Amino acid sequence: MKKLRQLTFLQSFGYLALLLGLLIEIYALFNGLGSRLSGDDMFGGAVVLALAIAFIHSQKLPVNLILITLSTLGFGYFTFIHTQAWLWTIILAVLVAAFMIYFFGLRDDVRRNQSEWFHF
């Protein structure tokens, strides 16, 4: 029988924030796609997803990258809806993604786990 890993309070809060952030972003997509209200809702979902990443801090790199991508897309959608400029959307999305990767320590996780990866 597998040993179940107990979640800490912060991780439980992170998973709750993940669920809430995804629900907000899905709601924003289906409630007036392309409107300013939809962009504002998407911004709120992206912020909640960023909080979820901070509290979950999964040891699995793909999980962290998927969550950062979803949050970055939310920020990018918000920027595009309010500016209607692809250049600013791309610049902001790259900056937000770089900030989250640096802030949440993914670079250190990759360096620490690199010795455990299979080399071809």
PDB file of N, CA and C in Angstrom:
ATOM      1  N   MET A   1       0.839  -1.182   0.000  1.00  0.00           N
ATOM      2  CA  MET A   1       0.000   0.000   0.000  1.00  0.00           C
ATOM      3  C   MET A   1       0.883   1.244   0.000  1.00  0.00           C
ATOM      4  N   LYS A   2       0.536   2.180  -0.834  1.00  0.00           N
ATOM      5  CA  LYS A   2       1.330   3.403  -0.932  1.00  0.00           C
ATOM      6  C   LYS A   2       1.130   4.265   0.301  1.00  0.00           C
ATOM      7  N   LYS A   3       2.194   4.896   0.682  1.00  0.00           N
ATOM      8  CA  LYS A   3       2.122   5.835   1.788  1.00  0.00           C
ATOM      9  C   LYS A   3       1.551   7.162   1.284  1.00  0.00           C
ATOM     10  N   LEU A   4       0.505   7.627   1.914  1.00  0.00           N
ATOM     11  CA  LEU A   4      -0.102   8.888   1.513  1.00  0.00           C
ATOM     12  C   LEU A   4       0.687  10.044   2.101  1.00  0.00           C
ATOM     13  N   ARG A   5       0.941  11.008   1.288  1.00  0.00           N
ATOM     14  CA  ARG A   5       1.673  12.189   1.735  1.00  0.00           C
ATOM     15  C   ARG A   5       0.671  13.190   2.287  1.00  0.00           C
ATOM     16  N   GLN A   6       0.908  13.613   3.499  1.00  0.00           N
ATOM     17  CA  GLN A   6       0.014  14.581   4.115  1.00  0.00           C
ATOM     18  C   GLN A   6       0.366  15.985   3.646  1.00  0.00           C
ATOM     19  N   LEU A   7      -0.668  16.746   3.339  1.00  0.00           N
ATOM     20  CA  LEU A   7      -0.466  18.115   2.894  1.00  0.00           C
ATOM     21  C   LEU A   7      -0.387  19.044   4.091  1.00  0.00           C
ATOM     22  N   THR A   8       0.479  20.015   3.977  1.00  0.00           N
ATOM     23  CA  THR A   8       0.516  21.052   5.004  1.00  0.00           C
ATOM     24  C   THR A   8      -0.635  22.021   4.758  1.00  0.00           C
ATOM     25  N   PHE A   9      -0.859  22.900   5.708  1.00  0.00           N
ATOM     26  CA  PHE A   9      -1.917  23.883   5.552  1.00  0.00           C
ATOM     27  C   PHE A   9      -1.648  24.787   4.350  1.00  0.00           C
ATOM     28  N   LEU A  10      -0.397  25.180   4.180  1.00  0.00           N
ATOM     29  CA  LEU A  10      -0.057  26.062   3.057  1.00  0.00           C
ATOM     30  C   LEU A  10      -0.262  25.376   1.717  1.00  0.00           C
ATOM     31  N   GLN A  11       0.078  24.093   1.618  1.00  0.00           N
ATOM     32  CA  GLN A  11      -0.146  23.370   0.371  1.00  0.00           C
ATOM     33  C   GLN A  11      -1.637  23.211   0.101  1.00  0.00           C
ATOM     34  N   SER A  12      -2.406  22.951   1.149  1.00  0.00           N
ATOM     35  CA  SER A  12      -3.864  22.854   0.988  1.00  0.00           C
ATOM     36  C   SER A  12      -4.428  24.178   0.494  1.00  0.00           C
ATOM     37  N   PHE A  13      -3.941  25.268   1.051  1.00  0.00           N
ATOM     38  CA  PHE A  13      -4.360  26.590   0.600  1.00  0.00           C
ATOM     39  C   PHE A  13      -3.965  26.805  -0.861  1.00  0.00           C
ATOM     40  N   GLY A  14      -2.786  26.332  -1.230  1.00  0.00           N
ATOM     41  CA  GLY A  14      -2.316  26.456  -2.607  1.00  0.00           C
ATOM     42  C   GLY A  14      -3.206  25.706  -3.582  1.00  0.00           C
ATOM     43  N   TYR A  15      -3.615  24.490  -3.234  1.00  0.00           N
ATOM     44  CA  TYR A  15      -4.495  23.729  -4.118  1.00  0.00           C
ATOM     45  C   TYR A  15      -5.877  24.365  -4.203  1.00  0.00           C
ATOM     46  N   LEU A  16      -6.346  24.936  -3.111  1.00  0.00           N
ATOM     47  CA  LEU A  16      -7.620  25.656  -3.143  1.00  0.00           C
ATOM     48  C   LEU A  16      -7.505  26.891  -4.040  1.00  0.00           C
ATOM     49  N   ALA A  17      -6.390  27.602  -3.942  1.00  0.00           N
ATOM     50  CA  ALA A  17      -6.159  28.769  -4.811  1.00  0.00           C
ATOM     51  C   ALA A  17      -6.038  28.338  -6.271  1.00  0.00           C
ATOM     52  N   LEU A  18      -5.425  27.185  -6.525  1.00  0.00           N
ATOM     53  CA  LEU A  18      -5.316  26.669  -7.881  1.00  0.00           C
ATOM     54  C   LEU A  18      -6.705  26.410  -8.464  1.00  0.00           C
ATOM     55  N   LEU A  19      -7.548  25.764  -7.707  1.00  0.00           N
ATOM     56  CA  LEU A  19      -8.908  25.484  -8.168  1.00  0.00           C
ATOM     57  C   LEU A  19      -9.679  26.782  -8.416  1.00  0.00           C
ATOM     58  N   LEU A  20      -9.577  27.710  -7.478  1.00  0.00           N
ATOM     59  CA  LEU A  20     -10.276  28.987  -7.623  1.00  0.00           C
ATOM     60  C   LEU A  20      -9.749  29.784  -8.819  1.00  0.00           C
ATOM     61  N   GLY A  21      -8.432  29.822  -8.998  1.00  0.00           N
ATOM     62  CA  GLY A  21      -7.838  30.552 -10.122  1.00  0.00           C
ATOM     63  C   GLY A  21      -8.257  29.970 -11.464  1.00  0.00           C
ATOM     64  N   LEU A  22      -8.272  28.639 -11.566  1.00  0.00           N
ATOM     65  CA  LEU A  22      -8.710  28.018 -12.812  1.00  0.00           C
ATOM     66  C   LEU A  22     -10.180  28.303 -13.088  1.00  0.00           C
ATOM     67  N   LEU A  23     -11.002  28.251 -12.050  1.00  0.00           N
ATOM     68  CA  LEU A  23     -12.427  28.553 -12.229  1.00  0.00           C
ATOM     69  C   LEU A  23     -12.643  30.000 -12.685  1.00  0.00           C
ATOM     70  N   ILE A  24     -11.895  30.920 -12.098  1.00  0.00           N
ATOM     71  CA  ILE A  24     -12.024  32.331 -12.489  1.00  0.00           C
ATOM     72  C   ILE A  24     -11.597  32.531 -13.934  1.00  0.00           C
ATOM     73  N   GLU A  25     -10.497  31.894 -14.335  1.00  0.00           N
ATOM     74  CA  GLU A  25     -10.028  32.057 -15.713  1.00  0.00           C
ATOM     75  C   GLU A  25     -10.985  31.414 -16.715  1.00  0.00           C
ATOM     76  N   ILE A  26     -11.549  30.275 -16.388  1.00  0.00           N
ATOM     77  CA  ILE A  26     -12.529  29.642 -17.275  1.00  0.00           C
ATOM     78  C   ILE A  26     -13.774  30.511 -17.371  1.00  0.00           C
ATOM     79  N   TYR A  27     -14.208  31.054 -16.241  1.00  0.00           N
ATOM     80  CA  TYR A  27     -15.366  31.947 -16.242  1.00  0.00           C
ATOM     81  C   TYR A  27     -15.097  33.176 -17.118  1.00  0.00           C
ATOM     82  N   ALA A  28     -13.885  33.711 -17.022  1.00  0.00           N
ATOM     83  CA  ALA A  28     -13.536  34.892 -17.820  1.00  0.00           C
ATOM     84  C   ALA A  28     -13.559  34.593 -19.310  1.00  0.00           C
ATOM     85  N   LEU A  29     -13.171  33.375 -19.685  1.00  0.00           N
ATOM     86  CA  LEU A  29     -13.180  33.018 -21.102  1.00  0.00           C
ATOM     87  C   LEU A  29     -14.590  32.904 -21.662  1.00  0.00           C
ATOM     88  N   PHE A  30     -15.507  32.399 -20.862  1.00  0.00           N
ATOM     89  CA  PHE A  30     -16.856  32.166 -21.368  1.00  0.00           C
ATOM     90  C   PHE A  30     -17.824  33.302 -21.073  1.00  0.00           C
ATOM     91  N   ASN A  31     -17.419  34.276 -20.308  1.00  0.00           N
ATOM     92  CA  ASN A  31     -18.300  35.394 -19.977  1.00  0.00           C
ATOM     93  C   ASN A  31     -17.817  36.644 -20.709  1.00  0.00           C
ATOM     94  N   GLY A  32     -18.260  36.826 -21.921  1.00  0.00           N
ATOM     95  CA  GLY A  32     -17.919  38.036 -22.681  1.00  0.00           C
ATOM     96  C   GLY A  32     -16.491  38.045 -23.170  1.00  0.00           C
ATOM     97  N   LEU A  33     -16.102  37.005 -23.882  1.00  0.00           N
ATOM     98  CA  LEU A  33     -14.745  36.907 -24.416  1.00  0.00           C
ATOM     99  C   LEU A  33     -14.394  38.160 -25.210  1.00  0.00           C
ATOM    100  N   GLY A  34     -13.286  38.788 -24.875  1.00  0.00           N
ATOM    101  CA  GLY A  34     -12.830  39.983 -25.568  1.00  0.00           C
ATOM    102  C   GLY A  34     -13.276  41.286 -24.936  1.00  0.00           C
ATOM    103  N   SER A  35     -14.114  41.222 -23.907  1.00  0.00           N
ATOM    104  CA  SER A  35     -14.568  42.456 -23.253  1.00  0.00           C
ATOM    105  C   SER A  35     -13.597  42.844 -22.142  1.00  0.00           C
ATOM    106  N   ARG A  36     -13.678  44.094 -21.730  1.00  0.00           N
ATOM    107  CA  ARG A  36     -12.805  44.566 -20.648  1.00  0.00           C
ATOM    108  C   ARG A  36     -13.110  43.857 -19.336  1.00  0.00           C
ATOM    109  N   LEU A  37     -14.371  43.524 -19.107  1.00  0.00           N
ATOM    110  CA  LEU A  37     -14.739  42.799 -17.894  1.00  0.00           C
ATOM    111  C   LEU A  37     -14.104  41.413 -17.887  1.00  0.00           C
ATOM    112  N   SER A  38     -14.085  40.780 -19.044  1.00  0.00           N
ATOM    113  CA  SER A  38     -13.438  39.481 -19.168  1.00  0.00           C
ATOM    114  C   SER A  38     -11.935  39.590 -18.893  1.00  0.00           C
ATOM    115  N   GLY A  39     -11.317  40.655 -19.392  1.00  0.00           N
ATOM    116  CA  GLY A  39      -9.894  40.885 -19.136  1.00  0.00           C
ATOM    117  C   GLY A  39      -9.606  41.111 -17.659  1.00  0.00           C
ATOM    118  N   ASP A  40     -10.480  41.860 -16.994  1.00  0.00           N
ATOM    119  CA  ASP A  40     -10.304  42.089 -15.555  1.00  0.00           C
ATOM    120  C   ASP A  40     -10.456  40.794 -14.760  1.00  0.00           C
ATOM    121  N   ASP A  41     -11.431  39.982 -15.153  1.00  0.00           N
ATOM    122  CA  ASP A  41     -11.608  38.689 -14.485  1.00  0.00           C
ATOM    123  C   ASP A  41     -10.397  37.795 -14.711  1.00  0.00           C
ATOM    124  N   MET A  42      -9.863  37.826 -15.922  1.00  0.00           N
ATOM    125  CA  MET A  42      -8.691  37.013 -16.236  1.00  0.00           C
ATOM    126  C   MET A  42      -7.482  37.465 -15.414  1.00  0.00           C
ATOM    127  N   PHE A  43      -7.349  38.760 -15.186  1.00  0.00           N
ATOM    128  CA  PHE A  43      -6.264  39.273 -14.355  1.00  0.00           C
ATOM    129  C   PHE A  43      -6.394  38.736 -12.928  1.00  0.00           C
ATOM    130  N   GLY A  44      -7.613  38.748 -12.411  1.00  0.00           N
ATOM    131  CA  GLY A  44      -7.833  38.212 -11.066  1.00  0.00           C
ATOM    132  C   GLY A  44      -7.486  36.736 -10.983  1.00  0.00           C
ATOM    133  N   GLY A  45      -7.872  35.972 -11.998  1.00  0.00           N
ATOM    134  CA  GLY A  45      -7.531  34.550 -12.027  1.00  0.00           C
ATOM    135  C   GLY A  45      -6.036  34.322 -12.124  1.00  0.00           C
ATOM    136  N   ALA A  46      -5.347  35.158 -12.891  1.00  0.00           N
ATOM    137  CA  ALA A  46      -3.898  35.020 -13.034  1.00  0.00           C
ATOM    138  C   ALA A  46      -3.183  35.316 -11.715  1.00  0.00           C
ATOM    139  N   VAL A  47      -3.667  36.298 -10.980  1.00  0.00           N
ATOM    140  CA  VAL A  47      -3.069  36.616  -9.676  1.00  0.00           C
ATOM    141  C   VAL A  47      -3.291  35.464  -8.698  1.00  0.00           C
ATOM    142  N   VAL A  48      -4.487  34.908  -8.688  1.00  0.00           N
ATOM    143  CA  VAL A  48      -4.778  33.780  -7.789  1.00  0.00           C
ATOM    144  C   VAL A  48      -3.933  32.560  -8.179  1.00  0.00           C
ATOM    145  N   LEU A  49      -3.737  32.325  -9.479  1.00  0.00           N
ATOM    146  CA  LEU A  49      -2.867  31.225  -9.906  1.00  0.00           C
ATOM    147  C   LEU A  49      -1.412  31.457  -9.485  1.00  0.00           C
ATOM    148  N   ALA A  50      -0.958  32.702  -9.546  1.00  0.00           N
ATOM    149  CA  ALA A  50       0.406  33.002  -9.091  1.00  0.00           C
ATOM    150  C   ALA A  50       0.543  32.707  -7.596  1.00  0.00           C
ATOM    151  N   LEU A  51      -0.477  33.021  -6.826  1.00  0.00           N
ATOM    152  CA  LEU A  51      -0.464  32.674  -5.403  1.00  0.00           C
ATOM    153  C   LEU A  51      -0.437  31.162  -5.211  1.00  0.00           C
ATOM    154  N   ALA A  52      -1.196  30.454  -6.030  1.00  0.00           N
ATOM    155  CA  ALA A  52      -1.217  28.996  -5.933  1.00  0.00           C
ATOM    156  C   ALA A  52       0.166  28.410  -6.192  1.00  0.00           C
ATOM    157  N   ILE A  53       0.870  28.952  -7.168  1.00  0.00           N
ATOM    158  CA  ILE A  53       2.221  28.466  -7.475  1.00  0.00           C
ATOM    159  C   ILE A  53       3.138  28.676  -6.273  1.00  0.00           C
ATOM    160  N   ALA A  54       3.001  29.822  -5.639  1.00  0.00           N
ATOM    161  CA  ALA A  54       3.855  30.130  -4.489  1.00  0.00           C
ATOM    162  C   ALA A  54       3.589  29.186  -3.328  1.00  0.00           C
ATOM    163  N   PHE A  55       2.340  28.841  -3.092  1.00  0.00           N
ATOM    164  CA  PHE A  55       2.023  28.010  -1.940  1.00  0.00           C
ATOM    165  C   PHE A  55       2.191  26.516  -2.205  1.00  0.00           C
ATOM    166  N   ILE A  56       1.960  26.079  -3.436  1.00  0.00           N
ATOM    167  CA  ILE A  56       2.113  24.654  -3.737  1.00  0.00           C
ATOM    168  C   ILE A  56       3.585  24.297  -3.847  1.00  0.00           C
ATOM    169  N   HIS A  57       4.333  25.044  -4.612  1.00  0.00           N
ATOM    170  CA  HIS A  57       5.758  24.832  -4.883  1.00  0.00           C
ATOM    171  C   HIS A  57       6.056  23.347  -5.069  1.00  0.00           C
ATOM    172  N   SER A  58       5.484  22.796  -6.116  1.00  0.00           N
ATOM    173  CA  SER A  58       5.641  21.379  -6.433  1.00  0.00           C
ATOM    174  C   SER A  58       7.093  21.061  -6.769  1.00  0.00           C
ATOM    175  N   GLN A  59       7.498  19.852  -6.454  1.00  0.00           N
ATOM    176  CA  GLN A  59       8.850  19.405  -6.791  1.00  0.00           C
ATOM    177  C   GLN A  59       8.951  18.965  -8.246  1.00  0.00           C
ATOM    178  N   LYS A  60       7.804  18.884  -8.919  1.00  0.00           N
ATOM    179  CA  LYS A  60       7.780  18.446 -10.314  1.00  0.00           C
ATOM    180  C   LYS A  60       7.830  19.672 -11.225  1.00  0.00           C
ATOM    181  N   LEU A  61       8.874  19.756 -12.006  1.00  0.00           N
ATOM    182  CA  LEU A  61       9.092  20.902 -12.892  1.00  0.00           C
ATOM    183  C   LEU A  61       7.960  21.105 -13.907  1.00  0.00           C
ATOM    184  N   PRO A  62       7.464  20.043 -14.555  1.00  0.00           N
ATOM    185  CA  PRO A  62       6.384  20.274 -15.532  1.00  0.00           C
ATOM    186  C   PRO A  62       5.130  20.890 -14.901  1.00  0.00           C
ATOM    187  N   VAL A  63       4.800  20.509 -13.695  1.00  0.00           N
ATOM    188  CA  VAL A  63       3.630  21.076 -13.013  1.00  0.00           C
ATOM    189  C   VAL A  63       3.830  22.571 -12.797  1.00  0.00           C
ATOM    190  N   ASN A  64       4.998  22.947 -12.307  1.00  0.00           N
ATOM    191  CA  ASN A  64       5.284  24.361 -12.087  1.00  0.00           C
ATOM    192  C   ASN A  64       5.256  25.152 -13.396  1.00  0.00           C
ATOM    193  N   LEU A  65       5.823  24.586 -14.453  1.00  0.00           N
ATOM    194  CA  LEU A  65       5.845  25.292 -15.733  1.00  0.00           C
ATOM    195  C   LEU A  65       4.445  25.450 -16.323  1.00  0.00           C
ATOM    196  N   ILE A  66       3.601  24.443 -16.168  1.00  0.00           N
ATOM    197  CA  ILE A  66       2.221  24.550 -16.656  1.00  0.00           C
ATOM    198  C   ILE A  66       1.471  25.634 -15.896  1.00  0.00           C
ATOM    199  N   LEU A  67       1.634  25.670 -14.582  1.00  0.00           N
ATOM    200  CA  LEU A  67       0.944  26.690 -13.782  1.00  0.00           C
ATOM    201  C   LEU A  67       1.450  28.089 -14.112  1.00  0.00           C
ATOM    202  N   ILE A  68       2.747  28.235 -14.307  1.00  0.00           N
ATOM    203  CA  ILE A  68       3.308  29.537 -14.670  1.00  0.00           C
ATOM    204  C   ILE A  68       2.800  29.948 -16.053  1.00  0.00           C
ATOM    205  N   THR A  69       2.706  28.998 -16.972  1.00  0.00           N
ATOM    206  CA  THR A  69       2.196  29.304 -18.313  1.00  0.00           C
ATOM    207  C   THR A  69       0.744  29.774 -18.257  1.00  0.00           C
ATOM    208  N   LEU A  70      -0.091  29.093 -17.473  1.00  0.00           N
ATOM    209  CA  LEU A  70      -1.488  29.500 -17.353  1.00  0.00           C
ATOM    210  C   LEU A  70      -1.617  30.896 -16.748  1.00  0.00           C
ATOM    211  N   SER A  71      -0.824  31.162 -15.730  1.00  0.00           N
ATOM    212  CA  SER A  71      -0.865  32.475 -15.110  1.00  0.00           C
ATOM    213  C   SER A  71      -0.360  33.550 -16.072  1.00  0.00           C
ATOM    214  N   THR A  72       0.706  33.256 -16.802  1.00  0.00           N
ATOM    215  CA  THR A  72       1.259  34.205 -17.768  1.00  0.00           C
ATOM    216  C   THR A  72       0.269  34.490 -18.890  1.00  0.00           C
ATOM    217  N   LEU A  73      -0.429  33.459 -19.350  1.00  0.00           N
ATOM    218  CA  LEU A  73      -1.439  33.671 -20.384  1.00  0.00           C
ATOM    219  C   LEU A  73      -2.567  34.573 -19.876  1.00  0.00           C
ATOM    220  N   GLY A  74      -2.917  34.426 -18.609  1.00  0.00           N
ATOM    221  CA  GLY A  74      -3.932  35.309 -18.029  1.00  0.00           C
ATOM    222  C   GLY A  74      -3.484  36.760 -18.007  1.00  0.00           C
ATOM    223  N   PHE A  75      -2.241  36.991 -17.612  1.00  0.00           N
ATOM    224  CA  PHE A  75      -1.712  38.362 -17.620  1.00  0.00           C
ATOM    225  C   PHE A  75      -1.624  38.911 -19.044  1.00  0.00           C
ATOM    226  N   GLY A  76      -1.207  38.040 -19.980  1.00  0.00           N
ATOM    227  CA  GLY A  76      -1.125  38.465 -21.367  1.00  0.00           C
ATOM    228  C   GLY A  76      -2.495  38.809 -21.948  1.00  0.00           C
ATOM    229  N   TYR A  77      -3.496  38.004 -21.622  1.00  0.00           N
ATOM    230  CA  TYR A  77      -4.857  38.269 -22.097  1.00  0.00           C
ATOM    231  C   TYR A  77      -5.351  39.609 -21.568  1.00  0.00           C
ATOM    232  N   PHE A  78      -5.105  39.848 -20.286  1.00  0.00           N
ATOM    233  CA  PHE A  78      -5.499  41.123 -19.681  1.00  0.00           C
ATOM    234  C   PHE A  78      -4.832  42.292 -20.397  1.00  0.00           C
ATOM    235  N   THR A  79      -3.541  42.169 -20.671  1.00  0.00           N
ATOM    236  CA  THR A  79      -2.805  43.236 -21.333  1.00  0.00           C
ATOM    237  C   THR A  79      -3.325  43.472 -22.743  1.00  0.00           C
ATOM    238  N   PHE A  80      -3.575  42.390 -23.478  1.00  0.00           N
ATOM    239  CA  PHE A  80      -4.045  42.550 -24.851  1.00  0.00           C
ATOM    240  C   PHE A  80      -5.435  43.185 -24.898  1.00  0.00           C
ATOM    241  N   ILE A  81      -6.309  42.786 -23.999  1.00  0.00           N
ATOM    242  CA  ILE A  81      -7.666  43.336 -23.984  1.00  0.00           C
ATOM    243  C   ILE A  81      -7.626  44.842 -23.709  1.00  0.00           C
ATOM    244  N   HIS A  82      -6.742  45.281 -22.828  1.00  0.00           N
ATOM    245  CA  HIS A  82      -6.716  46.693 -22.448  1.00  0.00           C
ATOM    246  C   HIS A  82      -5.875  47.563 -23.381  1.00  0.00           C
ATOM    247  N   THR A  83      -4.879  46.973 -24.057  1.00  0.00           N
ATOM    248  CA  THR A  83      -4.032  47.787 -24.931  1.00  0.00           C
ATOM    249  C   THR A  83      -4.277  47.544 -26.407  1.00  0.00           C
ATOM    250  N   GLN A  84      -4.768  46.359 -26.767  1.00  0.00           N
ATOM    251  CA  GLN A  84      -4.954  45.948 -28.167  1.00  0.00           C
ATOM    252  C   GLN A  84      -3.642  46.017 -28.947  1.00  0.00           C
ATOM    253  N   ALA A  85      -2.521  45.803 -28.254  1.00  0.00           N
ATOM    254  CA  ALA A  85      -1.201  45.855 -28.881  1.00  0.00           C
ATOM    255  C   ALA A  85      -0.453  44.549 -28.589  1.00  0.00           C
ATOM    256  N   TRP A  86      -0.106  43.836 -29.656  1.00  0.00           N
ATOM    257  CA  TRP A  86       0.595  42.571 -29.494  1.00  0.00           C
ATOM    258  C   TRP A  86       1.989  42.766 -28.893  1.00  0.00           C
ATOM    259  N   LEU A  87       2.660  43.842 -29.260  1.00  0.00           N
ATOM    260  CA  LEU A  87       4.016  44.064 -28.754  1.00  0.00           C
ATOM    261  C   LEU A  87       4.025  44.153 -27.237  1.00  0.00           C
ATOM    262  N   TRP A  88       3.138  44.976 -26.664  1.00  0.00           N
ATOM    263  CA  TRP A  88       3.096  45.110 -25.210  1.00  0.00           C
ATOM    264  C   TRP A  88       2.645  43.821 -24.540  1.00  0.00           C
ATOM    265  N   THR A  89       1.781  43.088 -25.199  1.00  0.00           N
ATOM    266  CA  THR A  89       1.323  41.814 -24.646  1.00  0.00           C
ATOM    267  C   THR A  89       2.476  40.830 -24.549  1.00  0.00           C
ATOM    268  N   ILE A  90       3.261  40.726 -25.601  1.00  0.00           N
ATOM    269  CA  ILE A  90       4.391  39.795 -25.609  1.00  0.00           C
ATOM    270  C   ILE A  90       5.456  40.226 -24.612  1.00  0.00           C
ATOM    271  N   ILE A  91       5.758  41.500 -24.569  1.00  0.00           N
ATOM    272  CA  ILE A  91       6.767  42.005 -23.628  1.00  0.00           C
ATOM    273  C   ILE A  91       6.341  41.727 -22.184  1.00  0.00           C
ATOM    274  N   LEU A  92       5.094  42.049 -21.864  1.00  0.00           N
ATOM    275  CA  LEU A  92       4.623  41.816 -20.501  1.00  0.00           C
ATOM    276  C   LEU A  92       4.595  40.332 -20.161  1.00  0.00           C
ATOM    277  N   ALA A  93       4.167  39.489 -21.102  1.00  0.00           N
ATOM    278  CA  ALA A  93       4.102  38.051 -20.837  1.00  0.00           C
ATOM    279  C   ALA A  93       5.494  37.481 -20.574  1.00  0.00           C
ATOM    280  N   VAL A  94       6.466  37.894 -21.356  1.00  0.00           N
ATOM    281  CA  VAL A  94       7.839  37.413 -21.148  1.00  0.00           C
ATOM    282  C   VAL A  94       8.378  37.891 -19.800  1.00  0.00           C
ATOM    283  N   LEU A  95       8.131  39.149 -19.465  1.00  0.00           N
ATOM    284  CA  LEU A  95       8.601  39.679 -18.187  1.00  0.00           C
ATOM    285  C   LEU A  95       7.934  38.984 -17.002  1.00  0.00           C
ATOM    286  N   VAL A  96       6.641  38.749 -17.099  1.00  0.00           N
ATOM    287  CA  VAL A  96       5.919  38.069 -16.010  1.00  0.00           C
ATOM    288  C   VAL A  96       6.420  36.635 -15.856  1.00  0.00           C
ATOM    289  N   ALA A  97       6.595  35.935 -16.959  1.00  0.00           N
ATOM    290  CA  ALA A  97       7.095  34.562 -16.892  1.00  0.00           C
ATOM    291  C   ALA A  97       8.500  34.522 -16.295  1.00  0.00           C
ATOM    292  N   ALA A  98       9.369  35.422 -16.719  1.00  0.00           N
ATOM    293  CA  ALA A  98      10.735  35.462 -16.184  1.00  0.00           C
ATOM    294  C   ALA A  98      10.724  35.793 -14.696  1.00  0.00           C
ATOM    295  N   PHE A  99       9.881  36.723 -14.301  1.00  0.00           N
ATOM    296  CA  PHE A  99       9.781  37.086 -12.892  1.00  0.00           C
ATOM    297  C   PHE A  99       9.304  35.902 -12.055  1.00  0.00           C
ATOM    298  N   MET A 100       8.281  35.208 -12.530  1.00  0.00           N
ATOM    299  CA  MET A 100       7.763  34.077 -11.754  1.00  0.00           C
ATOM    300  C   MET A 100       8.769  32.930 -11.692  1.00  0.00           C
ATOM    301  N   ILE A 101       9.466  32.667 -12.791  1.00  0.00           N
ATOM    302  CA  ILE A 101      10.483  31.606 -12.772  1.00  0.00           C
ATOM    303  C   ILE A 101      11.585  31.957 -11.784  1.00  0.00           C
ATOM    304  N   TYR A 102      12.015  33.198 -11.777  1.00  0.00           N
ATOM    305  CA  TYR A 102      13.061  33.621 -10.844  1.00  0.00           C
ATOM    306  C   TYR A 102      12.536  33.646  -9.415  1.00  0.00           C
ATOM    307  N   PHE A 103      11.364  34.225  -9.215  1.00  0.00           N
ATOM    308  CA  PHE A 103      10.824  34.411  -7.868  1.00  0.00           C
ATOM    309  C   PHE A 103      10.493  33.089  -7.195  1.00  0.00           C
ATOM    310  N   PHE A 104       9.973  32.127  -7.952  1.00  0.00           N
ATOM    311  CA  PHE A 104       9.576  30.863  -7.350  1.00  0.00           C
ATOM    312  C   PHE A 104      10.706  29.846  -7.331  1.00  0.00           C
ATOM    313  N   GLY A 105      11.894  30.238  -7.714  1.00  0.00           N
ATOM    314  CA  GLY A 105      13.080  29.407  -7.560  1.00  0.00           C
ATOM    315  C   GLY A 105      13.157  28.206  -8.479  1.00  0.00           C
ATOM    316  N   LEU A 106      12.540  28.263  -9.638  1.00  0.00           N
ATOM    317  CA  LEU A 106      12.591  27.117 -10.537  1.00  0.00           C
ATOM    318  C   LEU A 106      14.001  26.874 -11.058  1.00  0.00           C
ATOM    319  N   ARG A 107      14.742  27.933 -11.207  1.00  0.00           N
ATOM    320  CA  ARG A 107      16.112  27.788 -11.696  1.00  0.00           C
ATOM    321  C   ARG A 107      16.946  26.962 -10.716  1.00  0.00           C
ATOM    322  N   ASP A 108      16.781  27.227  -9.432  1.00  0.00           N
ATOM    323  CA  ASP A 108      17.510  26.458  -8.427  1.00  0.00           C
ATOM    324  C   ASP A 108      17.049  25.001  -8.394  1.00  0.00           C
ATOM    325  N   ASP A 109      15.739  24.780  -8.575  1.00  0.00           N
ATOM    326  CA  ASP A 109      15.223  23.411  -8.600  1.00  0.00           C
ATOM    327  C   ASP A 109      15.802  22.623  -9.769  1.00  0.00           C
ATOM    328  N   VAL A 110      15.920  23.261 -10.922  1.00  0.00           N
ATOM    329  CA  VAL A 110      16.475  22.591 -12.093  1.00  0.00           C
ATOM    330  C   VAL A 110      17.936  22.248 -11.846  1.00  0.00           C
ATOM    331  N   ARG A 111      18.692  23.182 -11.311  1.00  0.00           N
ATOM    332  CA  ARG A 111      20.111  22.914 -11.042  1.00  0.00           C
ATOM    333  C   ARG A 111      20.286  21.812 -10.008  1.00  0.00           C
ATOM    334  N   ARG A 112      19.451  21.806  -8.978  1.00  0.00           N
ATOM    335  CA  ARG A 112      19.550  20.809  -7.916  1.00  0.00           C
ATOM    336  C   ARG A 112      19.190  19.417  -8.439  1.00  0.00           C
ATOM    337  N   ASN A 113      18.179  19.312  -9.281  1.00  0.00           N
ATOM    338  CA  ASN A 113      17.706  18.020  -9.766  1.00  0.00           C
ATOM    339  C   ASN A 113      18.390  17.559 -11.040  1.00  0.00           C
ATOM    340  N   GLN A 114      19.262  18.371 -11.606  1.00  0.00           N
ATOM    341  CA  GLN A 114      19.887  18.051 -12.885  1.00  0.00           C
ATOM    342  C   GLN A 114      20.730  16.792 -12.787  1.00  0.00           C
ATOM    343  N   SER A 115      21.369  16.556 -11.674  1.00  0.00           N
ATOM    344  CA  SER A 115      22.228  15.382 -11.530  1.00  0.00           C
ATOM    345  C   SER A 115      21.406  14.089 -11.483  1.00  0.00           C
ATOM    346  N   GLU A 116      20.116  14.180 -11.175  1.00  0.00           N
ATOM    347  CA  GLU A 116      19.271  12.998 -11.097  1.00  0.00           C
ATOM    348  C   GLU A 116      18.648  12.643 -12.439  1.00  0.00           C
ATOM    349  N   TRP A 117      18.748  13.521 -13.431  1.00  0.00           N
ATOM    350  CA  TRP A 117      18.141  13.251 -14.730  1.00  0.00           C
ATOM    351  C   TRP A 117      19.004  12.277 -15.505  1.00  0.00           C
ATOM    352  N   PHE A 118      18.371  11.567 -16.397  1.00  0.00           N
ATOM    353  CA  PHE A 118      19.087  10.628 -17.237  1.00  0.00           C
ATOM    354  C   PHE A 118      19.816  11.399 -18.333  1.00  0.00           C
ATOM    355  N   HIS A 119      21.027  11.001 -18.575  1.00  0.00           N
ATOM    356  CA  HIS A 119      21.821  11.625 -19.640  1.00  0.00           C
ATOM    357  C   HIS A 119      21.854  10.689 -20.826  1.00  0.00           C
ATOM    358  N   PHE A 120      21.625  11.203 -21.999  1.00  0.00           N
ATOM    359  CA  PHE A 120      21.597  10.376 -23.207  1.00  0.00           C
ATOM    360  C   PHE A 120      22.888  10.476 -23.946  1.00  0.00           C
TER     361      PHE A 120
END
